[in-house]
Amino acid sequence: MPNVNYAKYFIGNSYVAPMSAENGGPTNVTFEPGCRNNWHVHHNQVQVLIAVSGRGWYVEEGKEPLEMTPGTVVAIPEGKKHWHGAAKDSWFQHLTYHTHVGENASNEWLEPVVDEVYNKLP
């Protein structure tokens, strides 16, 4: 289904398929080519991404971009500013869930990933 609840935090279209997410299960997120989410930070929780299909990117502030292809797994430490999304020329799909969830866990949405930054990726 279209990701209408979080669309304001994405550039481009994305789609979500919750897999028992209300019980701690993963959510399947699909990004159209060029789609990416805004920079964001998870507080008091670790986000895990598991690439399922296509090609995409995980970028953590201050680190080299990580190309994600099927089978790539990333555990994003609590408090790290990051974004993820599709490559310019590929659909991308990942599963995501949170672990090590503490009290008052939250997600802080920040600024968009501007084209000047995104377009430098291969």
PDB file of N, CA and C in Angstrom:
ATOM      1  N   MET A   1       0.840  -1.177   0.000  1.00  0.00           N
ATOM      2  CA  MET A   1       0.000   0.000   0.000  1.00  0.00           C
ATOM      3  C   MET A   1       0.887   1.244   0.000  1.00  0.00           C
ATOM      4  N   PRO A   2       0.467   2.318  -0.619  1.00  0.00           N
ATOM      5  CA  PRO A   2       1.261   3.552  -0.606  1.00  0.00           C
ATOM      6  C   PRO A   2       1.560   3.996   0.831  1.00  0.00           C
ATOM      7  N   ASN A   3       2.741   4.485   1.029  1.00  0.00           N
ATOM      8  CA  ASN A   3       3.216   4.903   2.356  1.00  0.00           C
ATOM      9  C   ASN A   3       2.708   6.316   2.672  1.00  0.00           C
ATOM     10  N   VAL A   4       1.401   6.451   2.820  1.00  0.00           N
ATOM     11  CA  VAL A   4       0.801   7.774   3.013  1.00  0.00           C
ATOM     12  C   VAL A   4       1.112   8.368   4.387  1.00  0.00           C
ATOM     13  N   ASN A   5       1.244   7.533   5.411  1.00  0.00           N
ATOM     14  CA  ASN A   5       1.469   8.062   6.759  1.00  0.00           C
ATOM     15  C   ASN A   5       2.827   8.748   6.909  1.00  0.00           C
ATOM     16  N   TYR A   6       3.800   8.340   6.121  1.00  0.00           N
ATOM     17  CA  TYR A   6       5.146   8.909   6.240  1.00  0.00           C
ATOM     18  C   TYR A   6       5.607   9.588   4.956  1.00  0.00           C
ATOM     19  N   ALA A   7       4.713   9.782   4.003  1.00  0.00           N
ATOM     20  CA  ALA A   7       5.080  10.342   2.701  1.00  0.00           C
ATOM     21  C   ALA A   7       5.797  11.687   2.819  1.00  0.00           C
ATOM     22  N   LYS A   8       5.459  12.482   3.824  1.00  0.00           N
ATOM     23  CA  LYS A   8       6.099  13.791   3.962  1.00  0.00           C
ATOM     24  C   LYS A   8       7.569  13.683   4.337  1.00  0.00           C
ATOM     25  N   TYR A   9       8.023  12.496   4.730  1.00  0.00           N
ATOM     26  CA  TYR A   9       9.427  12.282   5.099  1.00  0.00           C
ATOM     27  C   TYR A   9      10.211  11.576   3.994  1.00  0.00           C
ATOM     28  N   PHE A  10       9.622  11.471   2.800  1.00  0.00           N
ATOM     29  CA  PHE A  10      10.250  10.790   1.671  1.00  0.00           C
ATOM     30  C   PHE A  10      10.263  11.698   0.454  1.00  0.00           C
ATOM     31  N   ILE A  11      11.300  11.554  -0.352  1.00  0.00           N
ATOM     32  CA  ILE A  11      11.329  12.143  -1.686  1.00  0.00           C
ATOM     33  C   ILE A  11      11.029  10.990  -2.632  1.00  0.00           C
ATOM     34  N   GLY A  12       9.965  11.096  -3.417  1.00  0.00           N
ATOM     35  CA  GLY A  12       9.536  10.000  -4.280  1.00  0.00           C
ATOM     36  C   GLY A  12       8.512   9.137  -3.566  1.00  0.00           C
ATOM     37  N   ASN A  13       8.086   8.094  -4.252  1.00  0.00           N
ATOM     38  CA  ASN A  13       7.043   7.225  -3.721  1.00  0.00           C
ATOM     39  C   ASN A  13       7.619   5.980  -3.072  1.00  0.00           C
ATOM     40  N   SER A  14       7.023   5.621  -1.939  1.00  0.00           N
ATOM     41  CA  SER A  14       7.386   4.381  -1.270  1.00  0.00           C
ATOM     42  C   SER A  14       6.099   3.654  -0.890  1.00  0.00           C
ATOM     43  N   TYR A  15       6.255   2.366  -0.604  1.00  0.00           N
ATOM     44  CA  TYR A  15       5.121   1.505  -0.321  1.00  0.00           C
ATOM     45  C   TYR A  15       5.468   0.639   0.883  1.00  0.00           C
ATOM     46  N   VAL A  16       4.479   0.378   1.742  1.00  0.00           N
ATOM     47  CA  VAL A  16       4.730  -0.408   2.949  1.00  0.00           C
ATOM     48  C   VAL A  16       3.775  -1.594   3.027  1.00  0.00           C
ATOM     49  N   ALA A  17       4.306  -2.669   3.587  1.00  0.00           N
ATOM     50  CA  ALA A  17       3.514  -3.860   3.858  1.00  0.00           C
ATOM     51  C   ALA A  17       3.908  -4.339   5.249  1.00  0.00           C
ATOM     52  N   PRO A  18       3.183  -3.891   6.288  1.00  0.00           N
ATOM     53  CA  PRO A  18       3.506  -4.327   7.648  1.00  0.00           C
ATOM     54  C   PRO A  18       3.293  -5.832   7.799  1.00  0.00           C
ATOM     55  N   MET A  19       4.241  -6.466   8.449  1.00  0.00           N
ATOM     56  CA  MET A  19       4.183  -7.912   8.672  1.00  0.00           C
ATOM     57  C   MET A  19       4.090  -8.136  10.180  1.00  0.00           C
ATOM     58  N   SER A  20       2.909  -7.907  10.742  1.00  0.00           N
ATOM     59  CA  SER A  20       2.692  -8.015  12.180  1.00  0.00           C
ATOM     60  C   SER A  20       3.549  -7.001  12.936  1.00  0.00           C
ATOM     61  N   ALA A  21       3.712  -5.822  12.337  1.00  0.00           N
ATOM     62  CA  ALA A  21       4.553  -4.789  12.939  1.00  0.00           C
ATOM     63  C   ALA A  21       4.056  -4.372  14.319  1.00  0.00           C
ATOM     64  N   GLU A  22       2.752  -4.426  14.538  1.00  0.00           N
ATOM     65  CA  GLU A  22       2.222  -4.039  15.845  1.00  0.00           C
ATOM     66  C   GLU A  22       2.680  -4.992  16.951  1.00  0.00           C
ATOM     67  N   ASN A  23       3.167  -6.171  16.556  1.00  0.00           N
ATOM     68  CA  ASN A  23       3.681  -7.146  17.519  1.00  0.00           C
ATOM     69  C   ASN A  23       5.196  -7.276  17.445  1.00  0.00           C
ATOM     70  N   GLY A  24       5.861  -6.280  16.869  1.00  0.00           N
ATOM     71  CA  GLY A  24       7.312  -6.297  16.786  1.00  0.00           C
ATOM     72  C   GLY A  24       7.861  -6.918  15.521  1.00  0.00           C
ATOM     73  N   GLY A  25       6.982  -7.333  14.606  1.00  0.00           N
ATOM     74  CA  GLY A  25       7.432  -7.926  13.346  1.00  0.00           C
ATOM     75  C   GLY A  25       7.938  -6.868  12.390  1.00  0.00           C
ATOM     76  N   PRO A  26       8.576  -7.305  11.313  1.00  0.00           N
ATOM     77  CA  PRO A  26       9.149  -6.349  10.355  1.00  0.00           C
ATOM     78  C   PRO A  26       8.089  -5.684   9.483  1.00  0.00           C
ATOM     79  N   THR A  27       8.505  -4.627   8.831  1.00  0.00           N
ATOM     80  CA  THR A  27       7.717  -3.966   7.795  1.00  0.00           C
ATOM     81  C   THR A  27       8.511  -4.049   6.501  1.00  0.00           C
ATOM     82  N   ASN A  28       7.839  -4.411   5.433  1.00  0.00           N
ATOM     83  CA  ASN A  28       8.455  -4.456   4.110  1.00  0.00           C
ATOM     84  C   ASN A  28       8.250  -3.078   3.478  1.00  0.00           C
ATOM     85  N   VAL A  29       9.347  -2.420   3.124  1.00  0.00           N
ATOM     86  CA  VAL A  29       9.282  -1.091   2.511  1.00  0.00           C
ATOM     87  C   VAL A  29       9.860  -1.182   1.103  1.00  0.00           C
ATOM     88  N   THR A  30       9.120  -0.671   0.121  1.00  0.00           N
ATOM     89  CA  THR A  30       9.552  -0.654  -1.265  1.00  0.00           C
ATOM     90  C   THR A  30       9.703   0.799  -1.704  1.00  0.00           C
ATOM     91  N   PHE A  31      10.840   1.095  -2.344  1.00  0.00           N
ATOM     92  CA  PHE A  31      11.149   2.439  -2.829  1.00  0.00           C
ATOM     93  C   PHE A  31      11.200   2.405  -4.351  1.00  0.00           C
ATOM     94  N   GLU A  32      10.548   3.380  -5.010  1.00  0.00           N
ATOM     95  CA  GLU A  32      10.702   3.491  -6.454  1.00  0.00           C
ATOM     96  C   GLU A  32      12.099   4.048  -6.737  1.00  0.00           C
ATOM     97  N   PRO A  33      12.597   3.904  -7.985  1.00  0.00           N
ATOM     98  CA  PRO A  33      13.915   4.458  -8.293  1.00  0.00           C
ATOM     99  C   PRO A  33      14.000   5.936  -7.895  1.00  0.00           C
ATOM    100  N   GLY A  34      15.091   6.295  -7.222  1.00  0.00           N
ATOM    101  CA  GLY A  34      15.310   7.669  -6.787  1.00  0.00           C
ATOM    102  C   GLY A  34      14.654   8.040  -5.474  1.00  0.00           C
ATOM    103  N   CYS A  35      13.804   7.179  -4.937  1.00  0.00           N
ATOM    104  CA  CYS A  35      13.116   7.479  -3.676  1.00  0.00           C
ATOM    105  C   CYS A  35      14.057   7.250  -2.497  1.00  0.00           C
ATOM    106  N   ARG A  36      14.009   8.175  -1.564  1.00  0.00           N
ATOM    107  CA  ARG A  36      14.779   8.025  -0.321  1.00  0.00           C
ATOM    108  C   ARG A  36      14.045   8.749   0.791  1.00  0.00           C
ATOM    109  N   ASN A  37      14.327   8.311   2.024  1.00  0.00           N
ATOM    110  CA  ASN A  37      13.720   9.001   3.147  1.00  0.00           C
ATOM    111  C   ASN A  37      14.627  10.126   3.618  1.00  0.00           C
ATOM    112  N   ASN A  38      14.085  10.986   4.438  1.00  0.00           N
ATOM    113  CA  ASN A  38      14.855  12.094   5.010  1.00  0.00           C
ATOM    114  C   ASN A  38      15.897  11.543   5.972  1.00  0.00           C
ATOM    115  N   TRP A  39      16.866  12.380   6.282  1.00  0.00           N
ATOM    116  CA  TRP A  39      17.762  12.076   7.384  1.00  0.00           C
ATOM    117  C   TRP A  39      16.887  11.858   8.615  1.00  0.00           C
ATOM    118  N   HIS A  40      17.273  10.923   9.455  1.00  0.00           N
ATOM    119  CA  HIS A  40      16.519  10.688  10.682  1.00  0.00           C
ATOM    120  C   HIS A  40      17.391  10.001  11.722  1.00  0.00           C
ATOM    121  N   VAL A  41      16.900  10.005  12.960  1.00  0.00           N
ATOM    122  CA  VAL A  41      17.606   9.423  14.098  1.00  0.00           C
ATOM    123  C   VAL A  41      16.603   8.604  14.902  1.00  0.00           C
ATOM    124  N   HIS A  42      17.008   7.406  15.290  1.00  0.00           N
ATOM    125  CA  HIS A  42      16.196   6.574  16.177  1.00  0.00           C
ATOM    126  C   HIS A  42      16.747   6.719  17.588  1.00  0.00           C
ATOM    127  N   HIS A  43      15.879   7.050  18.513  1.00  0.00           N
ATOM    128  CA  HIS A  43      16.271   7.223  19.908  1.00  0.00           C
ATOM    129  C   HIS A  43      15.806   6.018  20.723  1.00  0.00           C
ATOM    130  N   ASN A  44      16.704   5.502  21.546  1.00  0.00           N
ATOM    131  CA  ASN A  44      16.415   4.376  22.441  1.00  0.00           C
ATOM    132  C   ASN A  44      15.947   3.123  21.707  1.00  0.00           C
ATOM    133  N   GLN A  45      16.491   2.905  20.514  1.00  0.00           N
ATOM    134  CA  GLN A  45      16.200   1.702  19.749  1.00  0.00           C
ATOM    135  C   GLN A  45      17.217   1.559  18.622  1.00  0.00           C
ATOM    136  N   VAL A  46      17.392   0.339  18.159  1.00  0.00           N
ATOM    137  CA  VAL A  46      18.268   0.030  17.036  1.00  0.00           C
ATOM    138  C   VAL A  46      17.369  -0.347  15.865  1.00  0.00           C
ATOM    139  N   GLN A  47      17.597   0.251  14.708  1.00  0.00           N
ATOM    140  CA  GLN A  47      16.842  -0.119  13.513  1.00  0.00           C
ATOM    141  C   GLN A  47      17.669  -1.116  12.721  1.00  0.00           C
ATOM    142  N   VAL A  48      17.014  -2.165  12.238  1.00  0.00           N
ATOM    143  CA  VAL A  48      17.668  -3.165  11.407  1.00  0.00           C
ATOM    144  C   VAL A  48      17.041  -3.108  10.017  1.00  0.00           C
ATOM    145  N   LEU A  49      17.899  -3.095   8.989  1.00  0.00           N
ATOM    146  CA  LEU A  49      17.464  -3.144   7.601  1.00  0.00           C
ATOM    147  C   LEU A  49      17.991  -4.428   6.974  1.00  0.00           C
ATOM    148  N   ILE A  50      17.154  -5.126   6.229  1.00  0.00           N
ATOM    149  CA  ILE A  50      17.554  -6.319   5.499  1.00  0.00           C
ATOM    150  C   ILE A  50      17.125  -6.119   4.048  1.00  0.00           C
ATOM    151  N   ALA A  51      18.095  -5.948   3.147  1.00  0.00           N
ATOM    152  CA  ALA A  51      17.780  -5.743   1.735  1.00  0.00           C
ATOM    153  C   ALA A  51      17.189  -7.023   1.153  1.00  0.00           C
ATOM    154  N   VAL A  52      16.084  -6.850   0.413  1.00  0.00           N
ATOM    155  CA  VAL A  52      15.359  -7.991  -0.146  1.00  0.00           C
ATOM    156  C   VAL A  52      15.501  -8.046  -1.667  1.00  0.00           C
ATOM    157  N   SER A  53      15.356  -6.896  -2.337  1.00  0.00           N
ATOM    158  CA  SER A  53      15.455  -6.888  -3.796  1.00  0.00           C
ATOM    159  C   SER A  53      15.900  -5.522  -4.281  1.00  0.00           C
ATOM    160  N   GLY A  54      16.415  -5.502  -5.506  1.00  0.00           N
ATOM    161  CA  GLY A  54      16.858  -4.260  -6.115  1.00  0.00           C
ATOM    162  C   GLY A  54      18.186  -3.784  -5.550  1.00  0.00           C
ATOM    163  N   ARG A  55      18.412  -2.476  -5.695  1.00  0.00           N
ATOM    164  CA  ARG A  55      19.658  -1.865  -5.231  1.00  0.00           C
ATOM    165  C   ARG A  55      19.333  -0.548  -4.564  1.00  0.00           C
ATOM    166  N   GLY A  56      19.945  -0.320  -3.405  1.00  0.00           N
ATOM    167  CA  GLY A  56      19.696   0.905  -2.674  1.00  0.00           C
ATOM    168  C   GLY A  56      20.908   1.347  -1.889  1.00  0.00           C
ATOM    169  N   TRP A  57      20.693   2.337  -1.035  1.00  0.00           N
ATOM    170  CA  TRP A  57      21.772   2.937  -0.258  1.00  0.00           C
ATOM    171  C   TRP A  57      21.391   3.086   1.200  1.00  0.00           C
ATOM    172  N   TYR A  58      22.380   2.906   2.049  1.00  0.00           N
ATOM    173  CA  TYR A  58      22.295   3.284   3.452  1.00  0.00           C
ATOM    174  C   TYR A  58      23.431   4.276   3.670  1.00  0.00           C
ATOM    175  N   VAL A  59      23.100   5.455   4.197  1.00  0.00           N
ATOM    176  CA  VAL A  59      24.114   6.483   4.439  1.00  0.00           C
ATOM    177  C   VAL A  59      23.989   6.946   5.884  1.00  0.00           C
ATOM    178  N   GLU A  60      25.080   6.796   6.611  1.00  0.00           N
ATOM    179  CA  GLU A  60      25.170   7.261   7.992  1.00  0.00           C
ATOM    180  C   GLU A  60      26.082   8.473   8.010  1.00  0.00           C
ATOM    181  N   GLU A  61      25.663   9.516   8.675  1.00  0.00           N
ATOM    182  CA  GLU A  61      26.434  10.752   8.712  1.00  0.00           C
ATOM    183  C   GLU A  61      27.885  10.474   9.112  1.00  0.00           C
ATOM    184  N   GLY A  62      28.819  11.010   8.300  1.00  0.00           N
ATOM    185  CA  GLY A  62      30.236  10.870   8.594  1.00  0.00           C
ATOM    186  C   GLY A  62      30.877   9.592   8.090  1.00  0.00           C
ATOM    187  N   LYS A  63      30.095   8.719   7.442  1.00  0.00           N
ATOM    188  CA  LYS A  63      30.628   7.454   6.926  1.00  0.00           C
ATOM    189  C   LYS A  63      30.413   7.367   5.422  1.00  0.00           C
ATOM    190  N   GLU A  64      31.153   6.475   4.787  1.00  0.00           N
ATOM    191  CA  GLU A  64      30.980   6.228   3.356  1.00  0.00           C
ATOM    192  C   GLU A  64      29.620   5.567   3.111  1.00  0.00           C
ATOM    193  N   PRO A  65      28.957   5.902   2.001  1.00  0.00           N
ATOM    194  CA  PRO A  65      27.682   5.251   1.673  1.00  0.00           C
ATOM    195  C   PRO A  65      27.870   3.739   1.514  1.00  0.00           C
ATOM    196  N   LEU A  66      26.876   2.982   1.936  1.00  0.00           N
ATOM    197  CA  LEU A  66      26.885   1.534   1.801  1.00  0.00           C
ATOM    198  C   LEU A  66      25.844   1.141   0.767  1.00  0.00           C
ATOM    199  N   GLU A  67      26.293   0.502  -0.315  1.00  0.00           N
ATOM    200  CA  GLU A  67      25.363  -0.007  -1.314  1.00  0.00           C
ATOM    201  C   GLU A  67      24.663  -1.235  -0.738  1.00  0.00           C
ATOM    202  N   MET A  68      23.346  -1.262  -0.854  1.00  0.00           N
ATOM    203  CA  MET A  68      22.568  -2.383  -0.339  1.00  0.00           C
ATOM    204  C   MET A  68      21.987  -3.177  -1.500  1.00  0.00           C
ATOM    205  N   THR A  69      22.271  -4.463  -1.504  1.00  0.00           N
ATOM    206  CA  THR A  69      21.725  -5.401  -2.475  1.00  0.00           C
ATOM    207  C   THR A  69      21.142  -6.569  -1.678  1.00  0.00           C
ATOM    208  N   PRO A  70      20.372  -7.456  -2.316  1.00  0.00           N
ATOM    209  CA  PRO A  70      19.730  -8.532  -1.568  1.00  0.00           C
ATOM    210  C   PRO A  70      20.711  -9.271  -0.648  1.00  0.00           C
ATOM    211  N   GLY A  71      20.307  -9.384   0.609  1.00  0.00           N
ATOM    212  CA  GLY A  71      21.120 -10.045   1.612  1.00  0.00           C
ATOM    213  C   GLY A  71      21.916  -9.108   2.497  1.00  0.00           C
ATOM    214  N   THR A  72      22.068  -7.839   2.111  1.00  0.00           N
ATOM    215  CA  THR A  72      22.778  -6.871   2.946  1.00  0.00           C
ATOM    216  C   THR A  72      21.959  -6.604   4.202  1.00  0.00           C
ATOM    217  N   VAL A  73      22.617  -6.646   5.357  1.00  0.00           N
ATOM    218  CA  VAL A  73      21.966  -6.381   6.637  1.00  0.00           C
ATOM    219  C   VAL A  73      22.710  -5.246   7.330  1.00  0.00           C
ATOM    220  N   VAL A  74      21.970  -4.284   7.834  1.00  0.00           N
ATOM    221  CA  VAL A  74      22.549  -3.157   8.560  1.00  0.00           C
ATOM    222  C   VAL A  74      21.818  -3.016   9.888  1.00  0.00           C
ATOM    223  N   ALA A  75      22.573  -2.940  10.966  1.00  0.00           N
ATOM    224  CA  ALA A  75      22.015  -2.617  12.283  1.00  0.00           C
ATOM    225  C   ALA A  75      22.447  -1.187  12.585  1.00  0.00           C
ATOM    226  N   ILE A  76      21.500  -0.277  12.631  1.00  0.00           N
ATOM    227  CA  ILE A  76      21.785   1.144  12.782  1.00  0.00           C
ATOM    228  C   ILE A  76      21.786   1.482  14.269  1.00  0.00           C
ATOM    229  N   PRO A  77      22.936   1.874  14.785  1.00  0.00           N
ATOM    230  CA  PRO A  77      23.015   2.159  16.221  1.00  0.00           C
ATOM    231  C   PRO A  77      22.069   3.283  16.637  1.00  0.00           C
ATOM    232  N   GLU A  78      21.613   3.196  17.844  1.00  0.00           N
ATOM    233  CA  GLU A  78      20.762   4.236  18.429  1.00  0.00           C
ATOM    234  C   GLU A  78      21.495   5.570  18.347  1.00  0.00           C
ATOM    235  N   GLY A  79      20.763   6.609  17.962  1.00  0.00           N
ATOM    236  CA  GLY A  79      21.308   7.951  17.969  1.00  0.00           C
ATOM    237  C   GLY A  79      22.110   8.350  16.751  1.00  0.00           C
ATOM    238  N   LYS A  80      22.249   7.481  15.732  1.00  0.00           N
ATOM    239  CA  LYS A  80      23.032   7.809  14.540  1.00  0.00           C
ATOM    240  C   LYS A  80      22.138   8.430  13.467  1.00  0.00           C
ATOM    241  N   LYS A  81      22.550   9.578  12.969  1.00  0.00           N
ATOM    242  CA  LYS A  81      21.814  10.261  11.899  1.00  0.00           C
ATOM    243  C   LYS A  81      22.090   9.518  10.591  1.00  0.00           C
ATOM    244  N   HIS A  82      21.011   9.174   9.858  1.00  0.00           N
ATOM    245  CA  HIS A  82      21.163   8.369   8.651  1.00  0.00           C
ATOM    246  C   HIS A  82      19.960   8.531   7.724  1.00  0.00           C
ATOM    247  N   TRP A  83      20.089   7.942   6.528  1.00  0.00           N
ATOM    248  CA  TRP A  83      18.956   7.812   5.612  1.00  0.00           C
ATOM    249  C   TRP A  83      19.172   6.559   4.777  1.00  0.00           C
ATOM    250  N   HIS A  84      18.100   6.106   4.106  1.00  0.00           N
ATOM    251  CA  HIS A  84      18.198   4.963   3.210  1.00  0.00           C
ATOM    252  C   HIS A  84      17.167   5.097   2.112  1.00  0.00           C
ATOM    253  N   GLY A  85      17.443   4.458   0.982  1.00  0.00           N
ATOM    254  CA  GLY A  85      16.519   4.534  -0.146  1.00  0.00           C
ATOM    255  C   GLY A  85      17.065   3.839  -1.360  1.00  0.00           C
ATOM    256  N   ALA A  86      16.359   3.982  -2.458  1.00  0.00           N
ATOM    257  CA  ALA A  86      16.694   3.302  -3.708  1.00  0.00           C
ATOM    258  C   ALA A  86      17.811   4.014  -4.449  1.00  0.00           C
ATOM    259  N   ALA A  87      18.490   3.253  -5.295  1.00  0.00           N
ATOM    260  CA  ALA A  87      19.421   3.844  -6.255  1.00  0.00           C
ATOM    261  C   ALA A  87      18.601   4.592  -7.308  1.00  0.00           C
ATOM    262  N   LYS A  88      19.280   5.451  -8.055  1.00  0.00           N
ATOM    263  CA  LYS A  88      18.584   6.250  -9.073  1.00  0.00           C
ATOM    264  C   LYS A  88      17.930   5.391 -10.145  1.00  0.00           C
ATOM    265  N   ASP A  89      18.559   4.231 -10.437  1.00  0.00           N
ATOM    266  CA  ASP A  89      18.136   3.411 -11.565  1.00  0.00           C
ATOM    267  C   ASP A  89      17.523   2.074 -11.157  1.00  0.00           C
ATOM    268  N   SER A  90      17.098   1.929  -9.904  1.00  0.00           N
ATOM    269  CA  SER A  90      16.595   0.635  -9.454  1.00  0.00           C
ATOM    270  C   SER A  90      15.515   0.794  -8.393  1.00  0.00           C
ATOM    271  N   TRP A  91      14.521  -0.058  -8.467  1.00  0.00           N
ATOM    272  CA  TRP A  91      13.617  -0.214  -7.343  1.00  0.00           C
ATOM    273  C   TRP A  91      14.432  -0.825  -6.215  1.00  0.00           C
ATOM    274  N   PHE A  92      13.986  -0.643  -4.977  1.00  0.00           N
ATOM    275  CA  PHE A  92      14.683  -1.207  -3.826  1.00  0.00           C
ATOM    276  C   PHE A  92      13.657  -1.590  -2.773  1.00  0.00           C
ATOM    277  N   GLN A  93      13.893  -2.739  -2.169  1.00  0.00           N
ATOM    278  CA  GLN A  93      12.973  -3.218  -1.141  1.00  0.00           C
ATOM    279  C   GLN A  93      13.793  -3.723   0.045  1.00  0.00           C
ATOM    280  N   HIS A  94      13.391  -3.309   1.245  1.00  0.00           N
ATOM    281  CA  HIS A  94      14.021  -3.847   2.446  1.00  0.00           C
ATOM    282  C   HIS A  94      12.983  -4.143   3.507  1.00  0.00           C
ATOM    283  N   LEU A  95      13.342  -5.049   4.389  1.00  0.00           N
ATOM    284  CA  LEU A  95      12.580  -5.278   5.600  1.00  0.00           C
ATOM    285  C   LEU A  95      13.205  -4.411   6.669  1.00  0.00           C
ATOM    286  N   THR A  96      12.395  -3.908   7.576  1.00  0.00           N
ATOM    287  CA  THR A  96      12.915  -3.124   8.686  1.00  0.00           C
ATOM    288  C   THR A  96      12.163  -3.479   9.961  1.00  0.00           C
ATOM    289  N   TYR A  97      12.908  -3.478  11.053  1.00  0.00           N
ATOM    290  CA  TYR A  97      12.305  -3.651  12.368  1.00  0.00           C
ATOM    291  C   TYR A  97      13.213  -2.996  13.398  1.00  0.00           C
ATOM    292  N   HIS A  98      12.717  -2.840  14.613  1.00  0.00           N
ATOM    293  CA  HIS A  98      13.496  -2.237  15.693  1.00  0.00           C
ATOM    294  C   HIS A  98      13.758  -3.269  16.778  1.00  0.00           C
ATOM    295  N   THR A  99      14.931  -3.193  17.355  1.00  0.00           N
ATOM    296  CA  THR A  99      15.318  -4.083  18.439  1.00  0.00           C
ATOM    297  C   THR A  99      15.993  -3.254  19.527  1.00  0.00           C
ATOM    298  N   HIS A 100      16.264  -3.849  20.663  1.00  0.00           N
ATOM    299  CA  HIS A 100      16.840  -3.130  21.805  1.00  0.00           C
ATOM    300  C   HIS A 100      16.035  -1.856  22.086  1.00  0.00           C
ATOM    301  N   VAL A 101      14.718  -2.010  22.055  1.00  0.00           N
ATOM    302  CA  VAL A 101      13.807  -0.879  22.230  1.00  0.00           C
ATOM    303  C   VAL A 101      13.713  -0.542  23.719  1.00  0.00           C
ATOM    304  N   GLY A 102      14.095   0.685  24.044  1.00  0.00           N
ATOM    305  CA  GLY A 102      14.049   1.151  25.421  1.00  0.00           C
ATOM    306  C   GLY A 102      12.832   2.018  25.684  1.00  0.00           C
ATOM    307  N   GLU A 103      12.778   2.546  26.880  1.00  0.00           N
ATOM    308  CA  GLU A 103      11.675   3.443  27.232  1.00  0.00           C
ATOM    309  C   GLU A 103      11.729   4.701  26.384  1.00  0.00           C
ATOM    310  N   ASN A 104      10.575   5.218  26.054  1.00  0.00           N
ATOM    311  CA  ASN A 104      10.449   6.456  25.275  1.00  0.00           C
ATOM    312  C   ASN A 104      11.161   6.381  23.935  1.00  0.00           C
ATOM    313  N   ALA A 105      11.176   5.201  23.310  1.00  0.00           N
ATOM    314  CA  ALA A 105      11.774   5.061  21.981  1.00  0.00           C
ATOM    315  C   ALA A 105      11.012   5.951  21.003  1.00  0.00           C
ATOM    316  N   SER A 106      11.766   6.572  20.084  1.00  0.00           N
ATOM    317  CA  SER A 106      11.142   7.472  19.114  1.00  0.00           C
ATOM    318  C   SER A 106      11.998   7.566  17.868  1.00  0.00           C
ATOM    319  N   ASN A 107      11.409   8.181  16.871  1.00  0.00           N
ATOM    320  CA  ASN A 107      12.075   8.434  15.602  1.00  0.00           C
ATOM    321  C   ASN A 107      12.009   9.931  15.352  1.00  0.00           C
ATOM    322  N   GLU A 108      13.146  10.562  15.144  1.00  0.00           N
ATOM    323  CA  GLU A 108      13.208  12.010  14.892  1.00  0.00           C
ATOM    324  C   GLU A 108      13.501  12.239  13.414  1.00  0.00           C
ATOM    325  N   TRP A 109      12.519  12.778  12.707  1.00  0.00           N
ATOM    326  CA  TRP A 109      12.687  13.069  11.279  1.00  0.00           C
ATOM    327  C   TRP A 109      13.367  14.420  11.105  1.00  0.00           C
ATOM    328  N   LEU A 110      14.331  14.467  10.194  1.00  0.00           N
ATOM    329  CA  LEU A 110      15.133  15.670   9.973  1.00  0.00           C
ATOM    330  C   LEU A 110      14.992  16.136   8.533  1.00  0.00           C
ATOM    331  N   GLU A 111      15.988  16.838   8.030  1.00  0.00           N
ATOM    332  CA  GLU A 111      15.919  17.453   6.712  1.00  0.00           C
ATOM    333  C   GLU A 111      15.972  16.417   5.579  1.00  0.00           C
ATOM    334  N   PRO A 112      15.416  16.779   4.416  1.00  0.00           N
ATOM    335  CA  PRO A 112      15.486  15.896   3.245  1.00  0.00           C
ATOM    336  C   PRO A 112      16.924  15.723   2.758  1.00  0.00           C
ATOM    337  N   VAL A 113      17.152  14.622   2.055  1.00  0.00           N
ATOM    338  CA  VAL A 113      18.429  14.395   1.379  1.00  0.00           C
ATOM    339  C   VAL A 113      18.317  15.109   0.033  1.00  0.00           C
ATOM    340  N   VAL A 114      19.029  16.213  -0.102  1.00  0.00           N
ATOM    341  CA  VAL A 114      18.891  17.051  -1.299  1.00  0.00           C
ATOM    342  C   VAL A 114      19.512  16.376  -2.510  1.00  0.00           C
ATOM    343  N   ASP A 115      19.023  16.754  -3.694  1.00  0.00           N
ATOM    344  CA  ASP A 115      19.505  16.159  -4.941  1.00  0.00           C
ATOM    345  C   ASP A 115      21.022  16.294  -5.104  1.00  0.00           C
ATOM    346  N   GLU A 116      21.594  17.399  -4.673  1.00  0.00           N
ATOM    347  CA  GLU A 116      23.037  17.619  -4.832  1.00  0.00           C
ATOM    348  C   GLU A 116      23.837  16.557  -4.089  1.00  0.00           C
ATOM    349  N   VAL A 117      23.338  16.068  -2.984  1.00  0.00           N
ATOM    350  CA  VAL A 117      24.002  14.997  -2.222  1.00  0.00           C
ATOM    351  C   VAL A 117      23.661  13.641  -2.827  1.00  0.00           C
ATOM    352  N   TYR A 118      22.386  13.403  -3.058  1.00  0.00           N
ATOM    353  CA  TYR A 118      21.928  12.115  -3.571  1.00  0.00           C
ATOM    354  C   TYR A 118      22.539  11.800  -4.931  1.00  0.00           C
ATOM    355  N   ASN A 119      22.594  12.787  -5.816  1.00  0.00           N
ATOM    356  CA  ASN A 119      23.059  12.549  -7.194  1.00  0.00           C
ATOM    357  C   ASN A 119      24.542  12.242  -7.289  1.00  0.00           C
ATOM    358  N   LYS A 120      25.298  12.398  -6.203  1.00  0.00           N
ATOM    359  CA  LYS A 120      26.714  12.023  -6.206  1.00  0.00           C
ATOM    360  C   LYS A 120      26.897  10.514  -6.074  1.00  0.00           C
ATOM    361  N   LEU A 121      25.841   9.807  -5.661  1.00  0.00           N
ATOM    362  CA  LEU A 121      25.931   8.350  -5.525  1.00  0.00           C
ATOM    363  C   LEU A 121      25.857   7.700  -6.907  1.00  0.00           C
ATOM    364  N   PRO A 122      26.604   6.597  -7.105  1.00  0.00           N
ATOM    365  CA  PRO A 122      26.569   5.937  -8.430  1.00  0.00           C
ATOM    366  C   PRO A 122      25.229   5.277  -8.730  1.00  0.00           C
TER     367      PRO A 122
END
